[in-house]
Amino acid sequence: MLPPIPQTTSPHPRLRIVSEPRGEEAGLGGLYKGVGTVLGIIGACIAFLGVYVAAIELNGWIIGIALAFATAGFAAMAAFFTLRYLWPCLMLLVLRLLH
């Protein structure tokens, strides 16, 4: 049988600690990650297909198909995390290049 859970009391009875449940992001933080996730998925798919086709083209069918999955997977992960967290910086660069 487990011992009982000890009860603690606060030295300041009027103060309460209130925490938000995990996984629920409100405001601009949720929007930032939401837009970043969508752009990251699109960029990861493009990177995966591009690297996969390039690896097959460079190495031939047998070796290209065997080795392209790992290489394309790493490129897709890098593209996803880069776009997910740094998409505002990339948008500024694109706007600067277009201006």
PDB file of N, CA and C in Angstrom:
ATOM      1  N   MET A   1       0.840  -1.165   0.000  1.00  0.00           N
ATOM      2  CA  MET A   1       0.000   0.000   0.000  1.00  0.00           C
ATOM      3  C   MET A   1       0.895   1.241   0.000  1.00  0.00           C
ATOM      4  N   LEU A   2       0.515   2.222  -0.791  1.00  0.00           N
ATOM      5  CA  LEU A   2       1.289   3.446  -0.911  1.00  0.00           C
ATOM      6  C   LEU A   2       1.011   4.384   0.253  1.00  0.00           C
ATOM      7  N   PRO A   3       2.042   5.153   0.640  1.00  0.00           N
ATOM      8  CA  PRO A   3       1.787   6.127   1.710  1.00  0.00           C
ATOM      9  C   PRO A   3       0.900   7.250   1.192  1.00  0.00           C
ATOM     10  N   PRO A   4       0.197   7.937   2.066  1.00  0.00           N
ATOM     11  CA  PRO A   4      -0.693   9.011   1.609  1.00  0.00           C
ATOM     12  C   PRO A   4       0.107  10.176   1.029  1.00  0.00           C
ATOM     13  N   ILE A   5      -0.510  10.887   0.131  1.00  0.00           N
ATOM     14  CA  ILE A   5       0.125  12.049  -0.483  1.00  0.00           C
ATOM     15  C   ILE A   5       0.145  13.185   0.533  1.00  0.00           C
ATOM     16  N   PRO A   6       1.321  13.778   0.753  1.00  0.00           N
ATOM     17  CA  PRO A   6       1.370  14.849   1.755  1.00  0.00           C
ATOM     18  C   PRO A   6       0.627  16.092   1.267  1.00  0.00           C
ATOM     19  N   GLN A   7      -0.011  16.761   2.157  1.00  0.00           N
ATOM     20  CA  GLN A   7      -0.744  17.992   1.845  1.00  0.00           C
ATOM     21  C   GLN A   7       0.147  19.178   2.183  1.00  0.00           C
ATOM     22  N   THR A   8       0.210  20.140   1.308  1.00  0.00           N
ATOM     23  CA  THR A   8       1.016  21.329   1.557  1.00  0.00           C
ATOM     24  C   THR A   8       0.112  22.546   1.628  1.00  0.00           C
ATOM     25  N   THR A   9       0.517  23.488   2.396  1.00  0.00           N
ATOM     26  CA  THR A   9      -0.223  24.738   2.489  1.00  0.00           C
ATOM     27  C   THR A   9       0.698  25.875   2.072  1.00  0.00           C
ATOM     28  N   SER A  10       0.108  26.896   1.521  1.00  0.00           N
ATOM     29  CA  SER A  10       0.867  28.044   1.053  1.00  0.00           C
ATOM     30  C   SER A  10       1.101  29.008   2.206  1.00  0.00           C
ATOM     31  N   PRO A  11       2.284  29.630   2.259  1.00  0.00           N
ATOM     32  CA  PRO A  11       2.491  30.641   3.292  1.00  0.00           C
ATOM     33  C   PRO A  11       1.644  31.889   3.035  1.00  0.00           C
ATOM     34  N   HIS A  12       1.138  32.045   1.837  1.00  0.00           N
ATOM     35  CA  HIS A  12       0.280  33.173   1.485  1.00  0.00           C
ATOM     36  C   HIS A  12      -1.080  32.605   1.061  1.00  0.00           C
ATOM     37  N   PRO A  13      -2.028  32.505   1.975  1.00  0.00           N
ATOM     38  CA  PRO A  13      -3.292  31.826   1.658  1.00  0.00           C
ATOM     39  C   PRO A  13      -4.130  32.525   0.590  1.00  0.00           C
ATOM     40  N   ARG A  14      -3.925  33.819   0.352  1.00  0.00           N
ATOM     41  CA  ARG A  14      -4.728  34.514  -0.654  1.00  0.00           C
ATOM     42  C   ARG A  14      -4.220  34.282  -2.075  1.00  0.00           C
ATOM     43  N   LEU A  15      -2.991  33.831  -2.221  1.00  0.00           N
ATOM     44  CA  LEU A  15      -2.418  33.624  -3.540  1.00  0.00           C
ATOM     45  C   LEU A  15      -2.648  32.191  -4.000  1.00  0.00           C
ATOM     46  N   ARG A  16      -3.058  32.050  -5.233  1.00  0.00           N
ATOM     47  CA  ARG A  16      -3.255  30.733  -5.836  1.00  0.00           C
ATOM     48  C   ARG A  16      -2.378  30.621  -7.055  1.00  0.00           C
ATOM     49  N   ILE A  17      -1.889  29.446  -7.295  1.00  0.00           N
ATOM     50  CA  ILE A  17      -1.132  29.188  -8.513  1.00  0.00           C
ATOM     51  C   ILE A  17      -2.102  28.586  -9.521  1.00  0.00           C
ATOM     52  N   VAL A  18      -2.240  29.261 -10.647  1.00  0.00           N
ATOM     53  CA  VAL A  18      -3.140  28.798 -11.693  1.00  0.00           C
ATOM     54  C   VAL A  18      -2.300  28.541 -12.932  1.00  0.00           C
ATOM     55  N   SER A  19      -2.416  27.361 -13.452  1.00  0.00           N
ATOM     56  CA  SER A  19      -1.661  27.039 -14.662  1.00  0.00           C
ATOM     57  C   SER A  19      -2.632  26.677 -15.774  1.00  0.00           C
ATOM     58  N   GLU A  20      -2.206  26.966 -16.997  1.00  0.00           N
ATOM     59  CA  GLU A  20      -3.022  26.619 -18.153  1.00  0.00           C
ATOM     60  C   GLU A  20      -2.729  25.181 -18.558  1.00  0.00           C
ATOM     61  N   PRO A  21      -3.723  24.486 -19.061  1.00  0.00           N
ATOM     62  CA  PRO A  21      -3.475  23.120 -19.511  1.00  0.00           C
ATOM     63  C   PRO A  21      -2.485  23.104 -20.668  1.00  0.00           C
ATOM     64  N   ARG A  22      -1.712  22.058 -20.731  1.00  0.00           N
ATOM     65  CA  ARG A  22      -0.732  21.937 -21.807  1.00  0.00           C
ATOM     66  C   ARG A  22      -1.420  21.698 -23.138  1.00  0.00           C
ATOM     67  N   GLY A  23      -0.797  22.205 -24.176  1.00  0.00           N
ATOM     68  CA  GLY A  23      -1.308  21.973 -25.515  1.00  0.00           C
ATOM     69  C   GLY A  23      -2.298  23.012 -25.997  1.00  0.00           C
ATOM     70  N   GLU A  24      -2.752  23.878 -25.131  1.00  0.00           N
ATOM     71  CA  GLU A  24      -3.702  24.900 -25.554  1.00  0.00           C
ATOM     72  C   GLU A  24      -2.984  26.243 -25.603  1.00  0.00           C
ATOM     73  N   GLU A  25      -2.643  26.663 -26.807  1.00  0.00           N
ATOM     74  CA  GLU A  25      -1.969  27.941 -26.973  1.00  0.00           C
ATOM     75  C   GLU A  25      -2.974  28.941 -27.532  1.00  0.00           C
ATOM     76  N   ALA A  26      -3.048  30.063 -26.907  1.00  0.00           N
ATOM     77  CA  ALA A  26      -4.005  31.079 -27.343  1.00  0.00           C
ATOM     78  C   ALA A  26      -3.253  32.289 -27.884  1.00  0.00           C
ATOM     79  N   GLY A  27      -3.952  33.074 -28.657  1.00  0.00           N
ATOM     80  CA  GLY A  27      -3.379  34.324 -29.127  1.00  0.00           C
ATOM     81  C   GLY A  27      -2.434  34.145 -30.292  1.00  0.00           C
ATOM     82  N   LEU A  28      -1.434  35.019 -30.333  1.00  0.00           N
ATOM     83  CA  LEU A  28      -0.504  35.025 -31.458  1.00  0.00           C
ATOM     84  C   LEU A  28       0.427  33.827 -31.475  1.00  0.00           C
ATOM     85  N   GLY A  29       0.697  33.239 -30.315  1.00  0.00           N
ATOM     86  CA  GLY A  29       1.564  32.058 -30.275  1.00  0.00           C
ATOM     87  C   GLY A  29       0.949  30.887 -31.032  1.00  0.00           C
ATOM     88  N   GLY A  30      -0.345  30.701 -30.872  1.00  0.00           N
ATOM     89  CA  GLY A  30      -1.034  29.634 -31.597  1.00  0.00           C
ATOM     90  C   GLY A  30      -1.097  29.904 -33.083  1.00  0.00           C
ATOM     91  N   LEU A  31      -1.330  31.156 -33.448  1.00  0.00           N
ATOM     92  CA  LEU A  31      -1.369  31.534 -34.858  1.00  0.00           C
ATOM     93  C   LEU A  31       0.003  31.379 -35.495  1.00  0.00           C
ATOM     94  N   TYR A  32       1.045  31.787 -34.771  1.00  0.00           N
ATOM     95  CA  TYR A  32       2.425  31.684 -35.265  1.00  0.00           C
ATOM     96  C   TYR A  32       2.778  30.230 -35.583  1.00  0.00           C
ATOM     97  N   LYS A  33       2.481  29.345 -34.625  1.00  0.00           N
ATOM     98  CA  LYS A  33       2.792  27.929 -34.852  1.00  0.00           C
ATOM     99  C   LYS A  33       1.859  27.297 -35.872  1.00  0.00           C
ATOM    100  N   GLY A  34       0.616  27.743 -35.935  1.00  0.00           N
ATOM    101  CA  GLY A  34      -0.322  27.193 -36.912  1.00  0.00           C
ATOM    102  C   GLY A  34       0.096  27.498 -38.337  1.00  0.00           C
ATOM    103  N   VAL A  35       0.413  28.767 -38.596  1.00  0.00           N
ATOM    104  CA  VAL A  35       0.876  29.151 -39.934  1.00  0.00           C
ATOM    105  C   VAL A  35       2.200  28.477 -40.238  1.00  0.00           C
ATOM    106  N   GLY A  36       3.087  28.433 -39.249  1.00  0.00           N
ATOM    107  CA  GLY A  36       4.388  27.783 -39.442  1.00  0.00           C
ATOM    108  C   GLY A  36       4.265  26.302 -39.731  1.00  0.00           C
ATOM    109  N   THR A  37       3.317  25.643 -39.087  1.00  0.00           N
ATOM    110  CA  THR A  37       3.127  24.211 -39.322  1.00  0.00           C
ATOM    111  C   THR A  37       2.629  23.952 -40.742  1.00  0.00           C
ATOM    112  N   VAL A  38       1.685  24.768 -41.199  1.00  0.00           N
ATOM    113  CA  VAL A  38       1.170  24.594 -42.565  1.00  0.00           C
ATOM    114  C   VAL A  38       2.281  24.834 -43.586  1.00  0.00           C
ATOM    115  N   LEU A  39       3.024  25.928 -43.410  1.00  0.00           N
ATOM    116  CA  LEU A  39       4.134  26.204 -44.333  1.00  0.00           C
ATOM    117  C   LEU A  39       5.218  25.139 -44.233  1.00  0.00           C
ATOM    118  N   GLY A  40       5.449  24.630 -43.027  1.00  0.00           N
ATOM    119  CA  GLY A  40       6.448  23.585 -42.835  1.00  0.00           C
ATOM    120  C   GLY A  40       6.078  22.289 -43.538  1.00  0.00           C
ATOM    121  N   ILE A  41       4.813  21.928 -43.489  1.00  0.00           N
ATOM    122  CA  ILE A  41       4.361  20.701 -44.162  1.00  0.00           C
ATOM    123  C   ILE A  41       4.491  20.844 -45.671  1.00  0.00           C
ATOM    124  N   ILE A  42       4.091  21.998 -46.191  1.00  0.00           N
ATOM    125  CA  ILE A  42       4.205  22.223 -47.638  1.00  0.00           C
ATOM    126  C   ILE A  42       5.670  22.204 -48.067  1.00  0.00           C
ATOM    127  N   GLY A  43       6.517  22.907 -47.315  1.00  0.00           N
ATOM    128  CA  GLY A  43       7.945  22.942 -47.639  1.00  0.00           C
ATOM    129  C   GLY A  43       8.613  21.586 -47.498  1.00  0.00           C
ATOM    130  N   ALA A  44       8.200  20.807 -46.492  1.00  0.00           N
ATOM    131  CA  ALA A  44       8.781  19.483 -46.295  1.00  0.00           C
ATOM    132  C   ALA A  44       8.414  18.544 -47.448  1.00  0.00           C
ATOM    133  N   CYS A  45       7.178  18.631 -47.925  1.00  0.00           N
ATOM    134  CA  CYS A  45       6.775  17.791 -49.064  1.00  0.00           C
ATOM    135  C   CYS A  45       7.560  18.157 -50.324  1.00  0.00           C
ATOM    136  N   ILE A  46       7.718  19.457 -50.555  1.00  0.00           N
ATOM    137  CA  ILE A  46       8.479  19.896 -51.733  1.00  0.00           C
ATOM    138  C   ILE A  46       9.936  19.465 -51.616  1.00  0.00           C
ATOM    139  N   ALA A  47      10.525  19.633 -50.429  1.00  0.00           N
ATOM    140  CA  ALA A  47      11.924  19.235 -50.232  1.00  0.00           C
ATOM    141  C   ALA A  47      12.091  17.726 -50.389  1.00  0.00           C
ATOM    142  N   PHE A  48      11.157  16.955 -49.820  1.00  0.00           N
ATOM    143  CA  PHE A  48      11.260  15.502 -49.921  1.00  0.00           C
ATOM    144  C   PHE A  48      11.213  15.055 -51.376  1.00  0.00           C
ATOM    145  N   LEU A  49      10.238  15.550 -52.116  1.00  0.00           N
ATOM    146  CA  LEU A  49      10.119  15.133 -53.518  1.00  0.00           C
ATOM    147  C   LEU A  49      11.313  15.588 -54.347  1.00  0.00           C
ATOM    148  N   GLY A  50      11.786  16.812 -54.113  1.00  0.00           N
ATOM    149  CA  GLY A  50      12.932  17.312 -54.869  1.00  0.00           C
ATOM    150  C   GLY A  50      14.201  16.521 -54.608  1.00  0.00           C
ATOM    151  N   VAL A  51      14.485  16.254 -53.352  1.00  0.00           N
ATOM    152  CA  VAL A  51      15.698  15.492 -53.018  1.00  0.00           C
ATOM    153  C   VAL A  51      15.565  14.043 -53.467  1.00  0.00           C
ATOM    154  N   TYR A  52      14.374  13.485 -53.354  1.00  0.00           N
ATOM    155  CA  TYR A  52      14.160  12.095 -53.766  1.00  0.00           C
ATOM    156  C   TYR A  52      14.394  11.924 -55.267  1.00  0.00           C
ATOM    157  N   VAL A  53      13.823  12.825 -56.050  1.00  0.00           N
ATOM    158  CA  VAL A  53      14.000  12.752 -57.510  1.00  0.00           C
ATOM    159  C   VAL A  53      15.457  13.012 -57.885  1.00  0.00           C
ATOM    160  N   ALA A  54      16.097  13.975 -57.220  1.00  0.00           N
ATOM    161  CA  ALA A  54      17.499  14.269 -57.523  1.00  0.00           C
ATOM    162  C   ALA A  54      18.405  13.093 -57.165  1.00  0.00           C
ATOM    163  N   ALA A  55      18.139  12.413 -56.057  1.00  0.00           N
ATOM    164  CA  ALA A  55      18.965  11.259 -55.672  1.00  0.00           C
ATOM    165  C   ALA A  55      18.796  10.109 -56.650  1.00  0.00           C
ATOM    166  N   ILE A  56      17.589   9.880 -57.116  1.00  0.00           N
ATOM    167  CA  ILE A  56      17.376   8.822 -58.110  1.00  0.00           C
ATOM    168  C   ILE A  56      18.051   9.193 -59.425  1.00  0.00           C
ATOM    169  N   GLU A  57      17.976  10.456 -59.800  1.00  0.00           N
ATOM    170  CA  GLU A  57      18.593  10.901 -61.054  1.00  0.00           C
ATOM    171  C   GLU A  57      20.116  10.791 -60.998  1.00  0.00           C
ATOM    172  N   LEU A  58      20.702  11.120 -59.866  1.00  0.00           N
ATOM    173  CA  LEU A  58      22.166  11.108 -59.754  1.00  0.00           C
ATOM    174  C   LEU A  58      22.739   9.711 -59.562  1.00  0.00           C
ATOM    175  N   ASN A  59      22.041   8.856 -58.809  1.00  0.00           N
ATOM    176  CA  ASN A  59      22.591   7.555 -58.445  1.00  0.00           C
ATOM    177  C   ASN A  59      22.027   6.387 -59.239  1.00  0.00           C
ATOM    178  N   GLY A  60      21.060   6.597 -60.054  1.00  0.00           N
ATOM    179  CA  GLY A  60      20.438   5.481 -60.772  1.00  0.00           C
ATOM    180  C   GLY A  60      19.271   4.931 -59.983  1.00  0.00           C
ATOM    181  N   TRP A  61      18.550   4.018 -60.606  1.00  0.00           N
ATOM    182  CA  TRP A  61      17.319   3.527 -59.997  1.00  0.00           C
ATOM    183  C   TRP A  61      17.552   2.677 -58.760  1.00  0.00           C
ATOM    184  N   ILE A  62      18.452   1.725 -58.831  1.00  0.00           N
ATOM    185  CA  ILE A  62      18.612   0.764 -57.724  1.00  0.00           C
ATOM    186  C   ILE A  62      19.158   1.457 -56.476  1.00  0.00           C
ATOM    187  N   ILE A  63      20.294   2.100 -56.601  1.00  0.00           N
ATOM    188  CA  ILE A  63      20.905   2.767 -55.444  1.00  0.00           C
ATOM    189  C   ILE A  63      20.114   4.009 -55.068  1.00  0.00           C
ATOM    190  N   GLY A  64      19.588   4.720 -56.043  1.00  0.00           N
ATOM    191  CA  GLY A  64      18.833   5.936 -55.769  1.00  0.00           C
ATOM    192  C   GLY A  64      17.595   5.685 -54.943  1.00  0.00           C
ATOM    193  N   ILE A  65      16.836   4.659 -55.285  1.00  0.00           N
ATOM    194  CA  ILE A  65      15.621   4.347 -54.520  1.00  0.00           C
ATOM    195  C   ILE A  65      15.984   3.857 -53.125  1.00  0.00           C
ATOM    196  N   ALA A  66      17.074   3.101 -53.010  1.00  0.00           N
ATOM    197  CA  ALA A  66      17.463   2.572 -51.703  1.00  0.00           C
ATOM    198  C   ALA A  66      17.972   3.670 -50.763  1.00  0.00           C
ATOM    199  N   LEU A  67      18.743   4.608 -51.274  1.00  0.00           N
ATOM    200  CA  LEU A  67      19.356   5.618 -50.416  1.00  0.00           C
ATOM    201  C   LEU A  67      18.592   6.936 -50.366  1.00  0.00           C
ATOM    202  N   ALA A  68      17.669   7.136 -51.274  1.00  0.00           N
ATOM    203  CA  ALA A  68      16.995   8.429 -51.361  1.00  0.00           C
ATOM    204  C   ALA A  68      16.048   8.670 -50.197  1.00  0.00           C
ATOM    205  N   PHE A  69      15.468   7.631 -49.619  1.00  0.00           N
ATOM    206  CA  PHE A  69      14.516   7.835 -48.528  1.00  0.00           C
ATOM    207  C   PHE A  69      15.167   8.527 -47.336  1.00  0.00           C
ATOM    208  N   ALA A  70      16.348   8.065 -46.927  1.00  0.00           N
ATOM    209  CA  ALA A  70      17.014   8.659 -45.763  1.00  0.00           C
ATOM    210  C   ALA A  70      17.418  10.100 -46.050  1.00  0.00           C
ATOM    211  N   THR A  71      18.017  10.325 -47.206  1.00  0.00           N
ATOM    212  CA  THR A  71      18.457  11.672 -47.559  1.00  0.00           C
ATOM    213  C   THR A  71      17.266  12.623 -47.694  1.00  0.00           C
ATOM    214  N   ALA A  72      16.237  12.191 -48.358  1.00  0.00           N
ATOM    215  CA  ALA A  72      15.054  13.030 -48.535  1.00  0.00           C
ATOM    216  C   ALA A  72      14.333  13.257 -47.200  1.00  0.00           C
ATOM    217  N   GLY A  73      14.351  12.270 -46.337  1.00  0.00           N
ATOM    218  CA  GLY A  73      13.741  12.426 -45.012  1.00  0.00           C
ATOM    219  C   GLY A  73      14.448  13.477 -44.172  1.00  0.00           C
ATOM    220  N   PHE A  74      15.783  13.453 -44.193  1.00  0.00           N
ATOM    221  CA  PHE A  74      16.546  14.467 -43.456  1.00  0.00           C
ATOM    222  C   PHE A  74      16.295  15.863 -44.030  1.00  0.00           C
ATOM    223  N   ALA A  75      16.251  15.978 -45.338  1.00  0.00           N
ATOM    224  CA  ALA A  75      15.994  17.277 -45.965  1.00  0.00           C
ATOM    225  C   ALA A  75      14.583  17.767 -45.623  1.00  0.00           C
ATOM    226  N   ALA A  76      13.623  16.862 -45.599  1.00  0.00           N
ATOM    227  CA  ALA A  76      12.249  17.246 -45.269  1.00  0.00           C
ATOM    228  C   ALA A  76      12.135  17.696 -43.816  1.00  0.00           C
ATOM    229  N   MET A  77      12.815  16.998 -42.900  1.00  0.00           N
ATOM    230  CA  MET A  77      12.788  17.416 -41.500  1.00  0.00           C
ATOM    231  C   MET A  77      13.418  18.794 -41.325  1.00  0.00           C
ATOM    232  N   ALA A  78      14.547  19.013 -41.977  1.00  0.00           N
ATOM    233  CA  ALA A  78      15.208  20.320 -41.882  1.00  0.00           C
ATOM    234  C   ALA A  78      14.314  21.418 -42.450  1.00  0.00           C
ATOM    235  N   ALA A  79      13.669  21.159 -43.566  1.00  0.00           N
ATOM    236  CA  ALA A  79      12.780  22.152 -44.163  1.00  0.00           C
ATOM    237  C   ALA A  79      11.576  22.416 -43.254  1.00  0.00           C
ATOM    238  N   PHE A  80      11.023  21.372 -42.672  1.00  0.00           N
ATOM    239  CA  PHE A  80       9.853  21.535 -41.807  1.00  0.00           C
ATOM    240  C   PHE A  80      10.172  22.417 -40.599  1.00  0.00           C
ATOM    241  N   PHE A  81      11.241  22.082 -39.868  1.00  0.00           N
ATOM    242  CA  PHE A  81      11.546  22.843 -38.657  1.00  0.00           C
ATOM    243  C   PHE A  81      12.033  24.255 -38.972  1.00  0.00           C
ATOM    244  N   THR A  82      12.735  24.419 -40.086  1.00  0.00           N
ATOM    245  CA  THR A  82      13.153  25.761 -40.473  1.00  0.00           C
ATOM    246  C   THR A  82      11.948  26.625 -40.807  1.00  0.00           C
ATOM    247  N   LEU A  83      11.031  26.096 -41.589  1.00  0.00           N
ATOM    248  CA  LEU A  83       9.857  26.878 -41.962  1.00  0.00           C
ATOM    249  C   LEU A  83       8.894  27.060 -40.800  1.00  0.00           C
ATOM    250  N   ARG A  84       8.819  26.090 -39.909  1.00  0.00           N
ATOM    251  CA  ARG A  84       7.867  26.192 -38.804  1.00  0.00           C
ATOM    252  C   ARG A  84       8.234  27.321 -37.850  1.00  0.00           C
ATOM    253  N   TYR A  85       9.516  27.456 -37.555  1.00  0.00           N
ATOM    254  CA  TYR A  85       9.906  28.442 -36.556  1.00  0.00           C
ATOM    255  C   TYR A  85      10.484  29.726 -37.139  1.00  0.00           C
ATOM    256  N   LEU A  86      10.980  29.704 -38.366  1.00  0.00           N
ATOM    257  CA  LEU A  86      11.623  30.884 -38.934  1.00  0.00           C
ATOM    258  C   LEU A  86      10.882  31.459 -40.134  1.00  0.00           C
ATOM    259  N   TRP A  87       9.601  31.128 -40.287  1.00  0.00           N
ATOM    260  CA  TRP A  87       8.895  31.592 -41.482  1.00  0.00           C
ATOM    261  C   TRP A  87       8.757  33.108 -41.558  1.00  0.00           C
ATOM    262  N   PRO A  88       8.651  33.881 -40.467  1.00  0.00           N
ATOM    263  CA  PRO A  88       8.591  35.332 -40.649  1.00  0.00           C
ATOM    264  C   PRO A  88       9.886  35.900 -41.235  1.00  0.00           C
ATOM    265  N   CYS A  89      11.028  35.361 -40.806  1.00  0.00           N
ATOM    266  CA  CYS A  89      12.314  35.814 -41.358  1.00  0.00           C
ATOM    267  C   CYS A  89      12.397  35.503 -42.849  1.00  0.00           C
ATOM    268  N   LEU A  90      11.942  34.329 -43.228  1.00  0.00           N
ATOM    269  CA  LEU A  90      11.985  33.961 -44.638  1.00  0.00           C
ATOM    270  C   LEU A  90      11.029  34.811 -45.468  1.00  0.00           C
ATOM    271  N   MET A  91       9.882  35.161 -44.897  1.00  0.00           N
ATOM    272  CA  MET A  91       8.940  36.033 -45.611  1.00  0.00           C
ATOM    273  C   MET A  91       9.538  37.422 -45.824  1.00  0.00           C
ATOM    274  N   LEU A  92      10.235  37.927 -44.816  1.00  0.00           N
ATOM    275  CA  LEU A  92      10.893  39.230 -44.962  1.00  0.00           C
ATOM    276  C   LEU A  92      11.969  39.186 -46.057  1.00  0.00           C
ATOM    277  N   LEU A  93      12.722  38.087 -46.121  1.00  0.00           N
ATOM    278  CA  LEU A  93      13.741  37.950 -47.157  1.00  0.00           C
ATOM    279  C   LEU A  93      13.106  37.899 -48.552  1.00  0.00           C
ATOM    280  N   VAL A  94      12.011  37.170 -48.674  1.00  0.00           N
ATOM    281  CA  VAL A  94      11.329  37.074 -49.966  1.00  0.00           C
ATOM    282  C   VAL A  94      10.785  38.446 -50.373  1.00  0.00           C
ATOM    283  N   LEU A  95      10.182  39.156 -49.433  1.00  0.00           N
ATOM    284  CA  LEU A  95       9.668  40.492 -49.745  1.00  0.00           C
ATOM    285  C   LEU A  95      10.788  41.446 -50.111  1.00  0.00           C
ATOM    286  N   ARG A  96      11.914  41.324 -49.453  1.00  0.00           N
ATOM    287  CA  ARG A  96      13.072  42.185 -49.771  1.00  0.00           C
ATOM    288  C   ARG A  96      13.609  41.877 -51.158  1.00  0.00           C
ATOM    289  N   LEU A  97      13.644  40.606 -51.530  1.00  0.00           N
ATOM    290  CA  LEU A  97      14.134  40.232 -52.856  1.00  0.00           C
ATOM    291  C   LEU A  97      13.163  40.653 -53.951  1.00  0.00           C
ATOM    292  N   LEU A  98      11.871  40.655 -53.652  1.00  0.00           N
ATOM    293  CA  LEU A  98      10.886  41.047 -54.661  1.00  0.00           C
ATOM    294  C   LEU A  98      10.796  42.555 -54.834  1.00  0.00           C
ATOM    295  N   HIS A  99      11.190  43.292 -53.837  1.00  0.00           N
ATOM    296  CA  HIS A  99      11.079  44.753 -53.922  1.00  0.00           C
ATOM    297  C   HIS A  99      12.141  45.318 -54.789  1.00  0.00           C
TER     298      HIS A  99
END
